[in-house]
Amino acid sequence: MAQIYKYHLFICTHSRDDGSANCGEHDSQSLRDYAKQRVKELKIKRVRVNSAGCLNRCKLGPMCVIYPEGTWYHFETKNDIDDIINSHLINDTIVERLVK
């Protein structure tokens, strides 16, 4: 079977009400929305951007993982998201400064 997506980006948007660390408290939902919109605007084919529940790396958050290779990134800003999109999704180059 042919591979549908070249890259599948999962961004944790999980929030907790108990005061423990979580990606949602770092505005990860709006950064996920930004990533999805940028991929659309740039017309990058065969890339899927999804929300994810807890990825169990809460203390490093906010976090995302890109498959199929399983590269984990910590991000904080739209510039970080842009670097992940431009380097990893477009140019197949890992953004070392964001790897966790």
PDB file of N, CA and C in Angstrom:
ATOM      1  N   MET A   1       0.836  -1.184   0.000  1.00  0.00           N
ATOM      2  CA  MET A   1       0.000   0.000   0.000  1.00  0.00           C
ATOM      3  C   MET A   1       0.879   1.245   0.000  1.00  0.00           C
ATOM      4  N   ALA A   2       0.506   2.214  -0.780  1.00  0.00           N
ATOM      5  CA  ALA A   2       1.267   3.467  -0.873  1.00  0.00           C
ATOM      6  C   ALA A   2       1.136   4.274   0.422  1.00  0.00           C
ATOM      7  N   GLN A   3       2.185   4.957   0.752  1.00  0.00           N
ATOM      8  CA  GLN A   3       2.191   5.820   1.933  1.00  0.00           C
ATOM      9  C   GLN A   3       1.366   7.072   1.630  1.00  0.00           C
ATOM     10  N   ILE A   4       0.378   7.350   2.476  1.00  0.00           N
ATOM     11  CA  ILE A   4      -0.503   8.498   2.248  1.00  0.00           C
ATOM     12  C   ILE A   4       0.198   9.796   2.598  1.00  0.00           C
ATOM     13  N   TYR A   5       0.849   9.820   3.771  1.00  0.00           N
ATOM     14  CA  TYR A   5       1.531  11.023   4.224  1.00  0.00           C
ATOM     15  C   TYR A   5       3.028  10.792   4.282  1.00  0.00           C
ATOM     16  N   LYS A   6       3.777  11.781   3.879  1.00  0.00           N
ATOM     17  CA  LYS A   6       5.225  11.738   4.052  1.00  0.00           C
ATOM     18  C   LYS A   6       5.552  12.013   5.516  1.00  0.00           C
ATOM     19  N   TYR A   7       4.861  13.013   6.083  1.00  0.00           N
ATOM     20  CA  TYR A   7       5.043  13.371   7.486  1.00  0.00           C
ATOM     21  C   TYR A   7       3.698  13.529   8.161  1.00  0.00           C
ATOM     22  N   HIS A   8       3.648  13.067   9.394  1.00  0.00           N
ATOM     23  CA  HIS A   8       2.460  13.224  10.225  1.00  0.00           C
ATOM     24  C   HIS A   8       2.921  13.901  11.512  1.00  0.00           C
ATOM     25  N   LEU A   9       2.476  15.132  11.728  1.00  0.00           N
ATOM     26  CA  LEU A   9       2.887  15.963  12.858  1.00  0.00           C
ATOM     27  C   LEU A   9       1.790  15.945  13.917  1.00  0.00           C
ATOM     28  N   PHE A  10       2.131  15.429  15.105  1.00  0.00           N
ATOM     29  CA  PHE A  10       1.207  15.402  16.233  1.00  0.00           C
ATOM     30  C   PHE A  10       1.656  16.433  17.256  1.00  0.00           C
ATOM     31  N   ILE A  11       0.779  17.396  17.555  1.00  0.00           N
ATOM     32  CA  ILE A  11       1.084  18.450  18.514  1.00  0.00           C
ATOM     33  C   ILE A  11       0.205  18.248  19.739  1.00  0.00           C
ATOM     34  N   CYS A  12       0.841  18.106  20.903  1.00  0.00           N
ATOM     35  CA  CYS A  12       0.081  17.915  22.131  1.00  0.00           C
ATOM     36  C   CYS A  12      -0.673  19.196  22.477  1.00  0.00           C
ATOM     37  N   THR A  13      -1.978  19.045  22.674  1.00  0.00           N
ATOM     38  CA  THR A  13      -2.818  20.171  23.090  1.00  0.00           C
ATOM     39  C   THR A  13      -3.532  19.847  24.399  1.00  0.00           C
ATOM     40  N   HIS A  14      -3.037  18.830  25.083  1.00  0.00           N
ATOM     41  CA  HIS A  14      -3.669  18.343  26.307  1.00  0.00           C
ATOM     42  C   HIS A  14      -3.567  19.357  27.442  1.00  0.00           C
ATOM     43  N   SER A  15      -4.667  19.527  28.165  1.00  0.00           N
ATOM     44  CA  SER A  15      -4.705  20.408  29.333  1.00  0.00           C
ATOM     45  C   SER A  15      -5.134  19.616  30.561  1.00  0.00           C
ATOM     46  N   ARG A  16      -4.648  20.040  31.696  1.00  0.00           N
ATOM     47  CA  ARG A  16      -5.039  19.433  32.967  1.00  0.00           C
ATOM     48  C   ARG A  16      -5.543  20.520  33.898  1.00  0.00           C
ATOM     49  N   ASP A  17      -6.481  20.160  34.742  1.00  0.00           N
ATOM     50  CA  ASP A  17      -7.036  21.103  35.709  1.00  0.00           C
ATOM     51  C   ASP A  17      -6.420  20.953  37.093  1.00  0.00           C
ATOM     52  N   ASP A  18      -5.535  19.979  37.269  1.00  0.00           N
ATOM     53  CA  ASP A  18      -5.002  19.701  38.606  1.00  0.00           C
ATOM     54  C   ASP A  18      -3.726  20.473  38.939  1.00  0.00           C
ATOM     55  N   GLY A  19      -3.304  21.384  38.050  1.00  0.00           N
ATOM     56  CA  GLY A  19      -2.116  22.186  38.312  1.00  0.00           C
ATOM     57  C   GLY A  19      -0.815  21.544  37.878  1.00  0.00           C
ATOM     58  N   SER A  20      -0.857  20.298  37.394  1.00  0.00           N
ATOM     59  CA  SER A  20       0.375  19.648  36.949  1.00  0.00           C
ATOM     60  C   SER A  20       0.747  20.141  35.548  1.00  0.00           C
ATOM     61  N   ALA A  21       1.999  19.954  35.199  1.00  0.00           N
ATOM     62  CA  ALA A  21       2.522  20.426  33.913  1.00  0.00           C
ATOM     63  C   ALA A  21       1.712  19.845  32.756  1.00  0.00           C
ATOM     64  N   ASN A  22       1.462  20.680  31.751  1.00  0.00           N
ATOM     65  CA  ASN A  22       0.781  20.208  30.552  1.00  0.00           C
ATOM     66  C   ASN A  22       1.055  21.160  29.401  1.00  0.00           C
ATOM     67  N   CYS A  23       1.000  20.644  28.197  1.00  0.00           N
ATOM     68  CA  CYS A  23       1.288  21.443  27.004  1.00  0.00           C
ATOM     69  C   CYS A  23       0.237  22.519  26.764  1.00  0.00           C
ATOM     70  N   GLY A  24      -0.999  22.239  27.126  1.00  0.00           N
ATOM     71  CA  GLY A  24      -2.079  23.182  26.907  1.00  0.00           C
ATOM     72  C   GLY A  24      -1.865  24.518  27.595  1.00  0.00           C
ATOM     73  N   GLU A  25      -1.168  24.506  28.722  1.00  0.00           N
ATOM     74  CA  GLU A  25      -0.941  25.758  29.444  1.00  0.00           C
ATOM     75  C   GLU A  25       0.064  26.661  28.732  1.00  0.00           C
ATOM     76  N   HIS A  26       0.680  26.171  27.677  1.00  0.00           N
ATOM     77  CA  HIS A  26       1.665  26.931  26.895  1.00  0.00           C
ATOM     78  C   HIS A  26       1.111  27.354  25.535  1.00  0.00           C
ATOM     79  N   ASP A  27      -0.220  27.454  25.442  1.00  0.00           N
ATOM     80  CA  ASP A  27      -0.877  27.914  24.222  1.00  0.00           C
ATOM     81  C   ASP A  27      -0.635  26.973  23.038  1.00  0.00           C
ATOM     82  N   SER A  28      -0.491  25.688  23.342  1.00  0.00           N
ATOM     83  CA  SER A  28      -0.193  24.738  22.266  1.00  0.00           C
ATOM     84  C   SER A  28      -1.326  24.610  21.253  1.00  0.00           C
ATOM     85  N   GLN A  29      -2.569  24.825  21.660  1.00  0.00           N
ATOM     86  CA  GLN A  29      -3.683  24.735  20.705  1.00  0.00           C
ATOM     87  C   GLN A  29      -3.565  25.801  19.617  1.00  0.00           C
ATOM     88  N   SER A  30      -3.280  27.043  20.006  1.00  0.00           N
ATOM     89  CA  SER A  30      -3.178  28.085  18.970  1.00  0.00           C
ATOM     90  C   SER A  30      -1.937  27.880  18.106  1.00  0.00           C
ATOM     91  N   LEU A  31      -0.854  27.332  18.674  1.00  0.00           N
ATOM     92  CA  LEU A  31       0.336  27.040  17.875  1.00  0.00           C
ATOM     93  C   LEU A  31       0.077  25.867  16.932  1.00  0.00           C
ATOM     94  N   ARG A  32      -0.726  24.913  17.363  1.00  0.00           N
ATOM     95  CA  ARG A  32      -1.127  23.813  16.477  1.00  0.00           C
ATOM     96  C   ARG A  32      -1.977  24.363  15.331  1.00  0.00           C
ATOM     97  N   ASP A  33      -2.917  25.256  15.657  1.00  0.00           N
ATOM     98  CA  ASP A  33      -3.752  25.867  14.624  1.00  0.00           C
ATOM     99  C   ASP A  33      -2.892  26.650  13.632  1.00  0.00           C
ATOM    100  N   TYR A  34      -1.889  27.344  14.152  1.00  0.00           N
ATOM    101  CA  TYR A  34      -0.963  28.094  13.299  1.00  0.00           C
ATOM    102  C   TYR A  34      -0.204  27.141  12.369  1.00  0.00           C
ATOM    103  N   ALA A  35       0.299  26.038  12.913  1.00  0.00           N
ATOM    104  CA  ALA A  35       1.035  25.059  12.097  1.00  0.00           C
ATOM    105  C   ALA A  35       0.155  24.505  10.980  1.00  0.00           C
ATOM    106  N   LYS A  36      -1.072  24.159  11.317  1.00  0.00           N
ATOM    107  CA  LYS A  36      -1.985  23.617  10.313  1.00  0.00           C
ATOM    108  C   LYS A  36      -2.259  24.643   9.210  1.00  0.00           C
ATOM    109  N   GLN A  37      -2.468  25.885   9.608  1.00  0.00           N
ATOM    110  CA  GLN A  37      -2.728  26.948   8.635  1.00  0.00           C
ATOM    111  C   GLN A  37      -1.513  27.203   7.742  1.00  0.00           C
ATOM    112  N   ARG A  38      -0.316  27.211   8.321  1.00  0.00           N
ATOM    113  CA  ARG A  38       0.908  27.458   7.537  1.00  0.00           C
ATOM    114  C   ARG A  38       1.133  26.345   6.518  1.00  0.00           C
ATOM    115  N   VAL A  39       0.928  25.102   6.917  1.00  0.00           N
ATOM    116  CA  VAL A  39       1.092  23.984   5.984  1.00  0.00           C
ATOM    117  C   VAL A  39       0.122  24.138   4.824  1.00  0.00           C
ATOM    118  N   LYS A  40      -1.097  24.566   5.140  1.00  0.00           N
ATOM    119  CA  LYS A  40      -2.106  24.806   4.099  1.00  0.00           C
ATOM    120  C   LYS A  40      -1.692  25.958   3.187  1.00  0.00           C
ATOM    121  N   GLU A  41      -1.282  27.086   3.788  1.00  0.00           N
ATOM    122  CA  GLU A  41      -0.884  28.263   3.014  1.00  0.00           C
ATOM    123  C   GLU A  41       0.299  27.976   2.096  1.00  0.00           C
ATOM    124  N   LEU A  42       1.240  27.180   2.592  1.00  0.00           N
ATOM    125  CA  LEU A  42       2.435  26.852   1.811  1.00  0.00           C
ATOM    126  C   LEU A  42       2.178  25.725   0.820  1.00  0.00           C
ATOM    127  N   LYS A  43       0.981  25.155   0.867  1.00  0.00           N
ATOM    128  CA  LYS A  43       0.573  24.078  -0.041  1.00  0.00           C
ATOM    129  C   LYS A  43       1.535  22.895   0.002  1.00  0.00           C
ATOM    130  N   ILE A  44       1.923  22.529   1.225  1.00  0.00           N
ATOM    131  CA  ILE A  44       2.814  21.387   1.415  1.00  0.00           C
ATOM    132  C   ILE A  44       1.969  20.127   1.295  1.00  0.00           C
ATOM    133  N   LYS A  45       2.315  19.295   0.364  1.00  0.00           N
ATOM    134  CA  LYS A  45       1.563  18.075   0.109  1.00  0.00           C
ATOM    135  C   LYS A  45       2.062  16.937   1.000  1.00  0.00           C
ATOM    136  N   ARG A  46       1.153  16.009   1.261  1.00  0.00           N
ATOM    137  CA  ARG A  46       1.450  14.776   1.995  1.00  0.00           C
ATOM    138  C   ARG A  46       1.955  15.033   3.419  1.00  0.00           C
ATOM    139  N   VAL A  47       1.465  16.110   4.037  1.00  0.00           N
ATOM    140  CA  VAL A  47       1.765  16.410   5.432  1.00  0.00           C
ATOM    141  C   VAL A  47       0.441  16.578   6.157  1.00  0.00           C
ATOM    142  N   ARG A  48       0.315  15.925   7.291  1.00  0.00           N
ATOM    143  CA  ARG A  48      -0.891  16.026   8.119  1.00  0.00           C
ATOM    144  C   ARG A  48      -0.506  16.600   9.472  1.00  0.00           C
ATOM    145  N   VAL A  49      -1.222  17.630   9.929  1.00  0.00           N
ATOM    146  CA  VAL A  49      -1.016  18.233  11.244  1.00  0.00           C
ATOM    147  C   VAL A  49      -2.224  17.886  12.106  1.00  0.00           C
ATOM    148  N   ASN A  50      -1.964  17.220  13.242  1.00  0.00           N
ATOM    149  CA  ASN A  50      -3.043  16.802  14.128  1.00  0.00           C
ATOM    150  C   ASN A  50      -2.800  17.247  15.559  1.00  0.00           C
ATOM    151  N   SER A  51      -3.900  17.426  16.288  1.00  0.00           N
ATOM    152  CA  SER A  51      -3.824  17.577  17.738  1.00  0.00           C
ATOM    153  C   SER A  51      -3.575  16.195  18.324  1.00  0.00           C
ATOM    154  N   ALA A  52      -2.886  16.173  19.441  1.00  0.00           N
ATOM    155  CA  ALA A  52      -2.672  14.916  20.154  1.00  0.00           C
ATOM    156  C   ALA A  52      -3.027  15.121  21.614  1.00  0.00           C
ATOM    157  N   GLY A  53      -3.465  14.056  22.230  1.00  0.00           N
ATOM    158  CA  GLY A  53      -3.624  14.070  23.674  1.00  0.00           C
ATOM    159  C   GLY A  53      -2.246  14.030  24.302  1.00  0.00           C
ATOM    160  N   CYS A  54      -2.195  13.745  25.565  1.00  0.00           N
ATOM    161  CA  CYS A  54      -0.925  13.747  26.298  1.00  0.00           C
ATOM    162  C   CYS A  54       0.096  12.810  25.645  1.00  0.00           C
ATOM    163  N   LEU A  55       1.289  13.336  25.418  1.00  0.00           N
ATOM    164  CA  LEU A  55       2.384  12.556  24.848  1.00  0.00           C
ATOM    165  C   LEU A  55       3.367  12.099  25.933  1.00  0.00           C
ATOM    166  N   ASN A  56       3.005  12.320  27.205  1.00  0.00           N
ATOM    167  CA  ASN A  56       3.788  11.897  28.372  1.00  0.00           C
ATOM    168  C   ASN A  56       5.177  12.518  28.446  1.00  0.00           C
ATOM    169  N   ARG A  57       5.309  13.748  27.960  1.00  0.00           N
ATOM    170  CA  ARG A  57       6.567  14.492  28.091  1.00  0.00           C
ATOM    171  C   ARG A  57       6.247  15.897  28.605  1.00  0.00           C
ATOM    172  N   CYS A  58       5.278  15.941  29.492  1.00  0.00           N
ATOM    173  CA  CYS A  58       4.677  17.193  29.965  1.00  0.00           C
ATOM    174  C   CYS A  58       5.682  18.190  30.522  1.00  0.00           C
ATOM    175  N   LYS A  59       6.670  17.716  31.225  1.00  0.00           N
ATOM    176  CA  LYS A  59       7.630  18.625  31.852  1.00  0.00           C
ATOM    177  C   LYS A  59       8.553  19.287  30.837  1.00  0.00           C
ATOM    178  N   LEU A  60       8.583  18.763  29.618  1.00  0.00           N
ATOM    179  CA  LEU A  60       9.385  19.351  28.547  1.00  0.00           C
ATOM    180  C   LEU A  60       8.546  20.271  27.671  1.00  0.00           C
ATOM    181  N   GLY A  61       7.262  20.255  27.845  1.00  0.00           N
ATOM    182  CA  GLY A  61       6.277  20.863  26.964  1.00  0.00           C
ATOM    183  C   GLY A  61       6.498  22.313  26.619  1.00  0.00           C
ATOM    184  N   PRO A  62       5.788  22.784  25.613  1.00  0.00           N
ATOM    185  CA  PRO A  62       4.919  22.021  24.724  1.00  0.00           C
ATOM    186  C   PRO A  62       5.722  21.165  23.745  1.00  0.00           C
ATOM    187  N   MET A  63       5.133  20.046  23.374  1.00  0.00           N
ATOM    188  CA  MET A  63       5.840  19.046  22.578  1.00  0.00           C
ATOM    189  C   MET A  63       5.053  18.654  21.329  1.00  0.00           C
ATOM    190  N   CYS A  64       5.813  18.210  20.335  1.00  0.00           N
ATOM    191  CA  CYS A  64       5.217  17.579  19.166  1.00  0.00           C
ATOM    192  C   CYS A  64       6.145  16.459  18.717  1.00  0.00           C
ATOM    193  N   VAL A  65       5.599  15.560  17.937  1.00  0.00           N
ATOM    194  CA  VAL A  65       6.382  14.462  17.377  1.00  0.00           C
ATOM    195  C   VAL A  65       5.999  14.327  15.910  1.00  0.00           C
ATOM    196  N   ILE A  66       7.013  14.073  15.090  1.00  0.00           N
ATOM    197  CA  ILE A  66       6.795  13.891  13.652  1.00  0.00           C
ATOM    198  C   ILE A  66       7.118  12.449  13.289  1.00  0.00           C
ATOM    199  N   TYR A  67       6.151  11.813  12.644  1.00  0.00           N
ATOM    200  CA  TYR A  67       6.335  10.448  12.142  1.00  0.00           C
ATOM    201  C   TYR A  67       6.381  10.493  10.629  1.00  0.00           C
ATOM    202  N   PRO A  68       7.100   9.574   9.989  1.00  0.00           N
ATOM    203  CA  PRO A  68       7.351   8.236  10.490  1.00  0.00           C
ATOM    204  C   PRO A  68       8.626   8.069  11.311  1.00  0.00           C
ATOM    205  N   GLU A  69       9.536   9.024  11.309  1.00  0.00           N
ATOM    206  CA  GLU A  69      10.816   8.780  11.983  1.00  0.00           C
ATOM    207  C   GLU A  69      10.772   8.956  13.484  1.00  0.00           C
ATOM    208  N   GLY A  70       9.758   9.619  14.019  1.00  0.00           N
ATOM    209  CA  GLY A  70       9.636   9.784  15.464  1.00  0.00           C
ATOM    210  C   GLY A  70      10.537  10.873  16.028  1.00  0.00           C
ATOM    211  N   THR A  71      10.634  12.007  15.357  1.00  0.00           N
ATOM    212  CA  THR A  71      11.437  13.128  15.845  1.00  0.00           C
ATOM    213  C   THR A  71      10.589  13.959  16.800  1.00  0.00           C
ATOM    214  N   TRP A  72      11.103  14.176  18.021  1.00  0.00           N
ATOM    215  CA  TRP A  72      10.401  14.932  19.054  1.00  0.00           C
ATOM    216  C   TRP A  72      10.947  16.348  19.121  1.00  0.00           C
ATOM    217  N   TYR A  73      10.029  17.313  19.133  1.00  0.00           N
ATOM    218  CA  TYR A  73      10.406  18.717  19.222  1.00  0.00           C
ATOM    219  C   TYR A  73       9.706  19.406  20.395  1.00  0.00           C
ATOM    220  N   HIS A  74      10.436  20.304  21.015  1.00  0.00           N
ATOM    221  CA  HIS A  74       9.876  21.261  21.977  1.00  0.00           C
ATOM    222  C   HIS A  74       9.752  22.574  21.210  1.00  0.00           C
ATOM    223  N   PHE A  75       8.617  23.242  21.347  1.00  0.00           N
ATOM    224  CA  PHE A  75       8.415  24.511  20.654  1.00  0.00           C
ATOM    225  C   PHE A  75       7.752  25.490  21.612  1.00  0.00           C
ATOM    226  N   GLU A  76       7.963  26.778  21.378  1.00  0.00           N
ATOM    227  CA  GLU A  76       7.344  27.795  22.231  1.00  0.00           C
ATOM    228  C   GLU A  76       6.700  28.932  21.442  1.00  0.00           C
ATOM    229  N   THR A  77       7.138  29.146  20.206  1.00  0.00           N
ATOM    230  CA  THR A  77       6.700  30.317  19.447  1.00  0.00           C
ATOM    231  C   THR A  77       6.313  29.934  18.012  1.00  0.00           C
ATOM    232  N   LYS A  78       5.687  30.883  17.331  1.00  0.00           N
ATOM    233  CA  LYS A  78       5.396  30.688  15.908  1.00  0.00           C
ATOM    234  C   LYS A  78       6.688  30.546  15.116  1.00  0.00           C
ATOM    235  N   ASN A  79       7.749  31.236  15.533  1.00  0.00           N
ATOM    236  CA  ASN A  79       9.039  31.087  14.850  1.00  0.00           C
ATOM    237  C   ASN A  79       9.557  29.663  14.957  1.00  0.00           C
ATOM    238  N   ASP A  80       9.362  29.017  16.116  1.00  0.00           N
ATOM    239  CA  ASP A  80       9.756  27.611  16.264  1.00  0.00           C
ATOM    240  C   ASP A  80       8.956  26.738  15.310  1.00  0.00           C
ATOM    241  N   ILE A  81       7.662  26.985  15.237  1.00  0.00           N
ATOM    242  CA  ILE A  81       6.805  26.218  14.315  1.00  0.00           C
ATOM    243  C   ILE A  81       7.264  26.443  12.874  1.00  0.00           C
ATOM    244  N   ASP A  82       7.561  27.689  12.519  1.00  0.00           N
ATOM    245  CA  ASP A  82       8.054  27.989  11.167  1.00  0.00           C
ATOM    246  C   ASP A  82       9.346  27.234  10.877  1.00  0.00           C
ATOM    247  N   ASP A  83      10.256  27.179  11.853  1.00  0.00           N
ATOM    248  CA  ASP A  83      11.510  26.445  11.655  1.00  0.00           C
ATOM    249  C   ASP A  83      11.249  24.959  11.429  1.00  0.00           C
ATOM    250  N   ILE A  84      10.320  24.382  12.192  1.00  0.00           N
ATOM    251  CA  ILE A  84       9.986  22.966  12.020  1.00  0.00           C
ATOM    252  C   ILE A  84       9.394  22.737  10.631  1.00  0.00           C
ATOM    253  N   ILE A  85       8.487  23.603  10.214  1.00  0.00           N
ATOM    254  CA  ILE A  85       7.868  23.459   8.890  1.00  0.00           C
ATOM    255  C   ILE A  85       8.905  23.629   7.782  1.00  0.00           C
ATOM    256  N   ASN A  86       9.660  24.719   7.825  1.00  0.00           N
ATOM    257  CA  ASN A  86      10.617  25.008   6.750  1.00  0.00           C
ATOM    258  C   ASN A  86      11.766  24.010   6.698  1.00  0.00           C
ATOM    259  N   SER A  87      12.295  23.649   7.844  1.00  0.00           N
ATOM    260  CA  SER A  87      13.448  22.742   7.847  1.00  0.00           C
ATOM    261  C   SER A  87      13.031  21.286   7.701  1.00  0.00           C
ATOM    262  N   HIS A  88      12.158  20.823   8.599  1.00  0.00           N
ATOM    263  CA  HIS A  88      11.841  19.400   8.632  1.00  0.00           C
ATOM    264  C   HIS A  88      10.841  19.007   7.544  1.00  0.00           C
ATOM    265  N   LEU A  89       9.703  19.691   7.485  1.00  0.00           N
ATOM    266  CA  LEU A  89       8.642  19.265   6.570  1.00  0.00           C
ATOM    267  C   LEU A  89       8.931  19.599   5.113  1.00  0.00           C
ATOM    268  N   ILE A  90       9.627  20.699   4.858  1.00  0.00           N
ATOM    269  CA  ILE A  90       9.919  21.084   3.473  1.00  0.00           C
ATOM    270  C   ILE A  90      11.291  20.575   3.025  1.00  0.00           C
ATOM    271  N   ASN A  91      12.312  20.739   3.863  1.00  0.00           N
ATOM    272  CA  ASN A  91      13.687  20.418   3.451  1.00  0.00           C
ATOM    273  C   ASN A  91      14.261  19.146   4.061  1.00  0.00           C
ATOM    274  N   ASP A  92      13.423  18.380   4.762  1.00  0.00           N
ATOM    275  CA  ASP A  92      13.848  17.084   5.324  1.00  0.00           C
ATOM    276  C   ASP A  92      15.075  17.205   6.234  1.00  0.00           C
ATOM    277  N   THR A  93      15.190  18.325   6.954  1.00  0.00           N
ATOM    278  CA  THR A  93      16.320  18.557   7.837  1.00  0.00           C
ATOM    279  C   THR A  93      15.822  18.779   9.260  1.00  0.00           C
ATOM    280  N   ILE A  94      16.310  18.000  10.189  1.00  0.00           N
ATOM    281  CA  ILE A  94      15.909  18.101  11.594  1.00  0.00           C
ATOM    282  C   ILE A  94      16.384  19.424  12.177  1.00  0.00           C
ATOM    283  N   VAL A  95      15.532  20.058  12.976  1.00  0.00           N
ATOM    284  CA  VAL A  95      15.869  21.323  13.642  1.00  0.00           C
ATOM    285  C   VAL A  95      16.498  20.943  14.991  1.00  0.00           C
ATOM    286  N   GLU A  96      17.807  20.805  15.009  1.00  0.00           N
ATOM    287  CA  GLU A  96      18.519  20.279  16.181  1.00  0.00           C
ATOM    288  C   GLU A  96      18.259  21.089  17.443  1.00  0.00           C
ATOM    289  N   ARG A  97      18.140  22.409  17.330  1.00  0.00           N
ATOM    290  CA  ARG A  97      17.970  23.232  18.529  1.00  0.00           C
ATOM    291  C   ARG A  97      16.638  22.976  19.240  1.00  0.00           C
ATOM    292  N   LEU A  98      15.677  22.367  18.555  1.00  0.00           N
ATOM    293  CA  LEU A  98      14.367  22.114  19.137  1.00  0.00           C
ATOM    294  C   LEU A  98      14.139  20.642  19.511  1.00  0.00           C
ATOM    295  N   VAL A  99      15.079  19.773  19.191  1.00  0.00           N
ATOM    296  CA  VAL A  99      14.932  18.346  19.465  1.00  0.00           C
ATOM    297  C   VAL A  99      15.000  18.094  20.958  1.00  0.00           C
ATOM    298  N   LYS A 100      14.070  17.279  21.455  1.00  0.00           N
ATOM    299  CA  LYS A 100      14.050  16.870  22.861  1.00  0.00           C
ATOM    300  C   LYS A 100      13.940  15.379  22.964  1.00  0.00           C
TER     301      LYS A 100
END
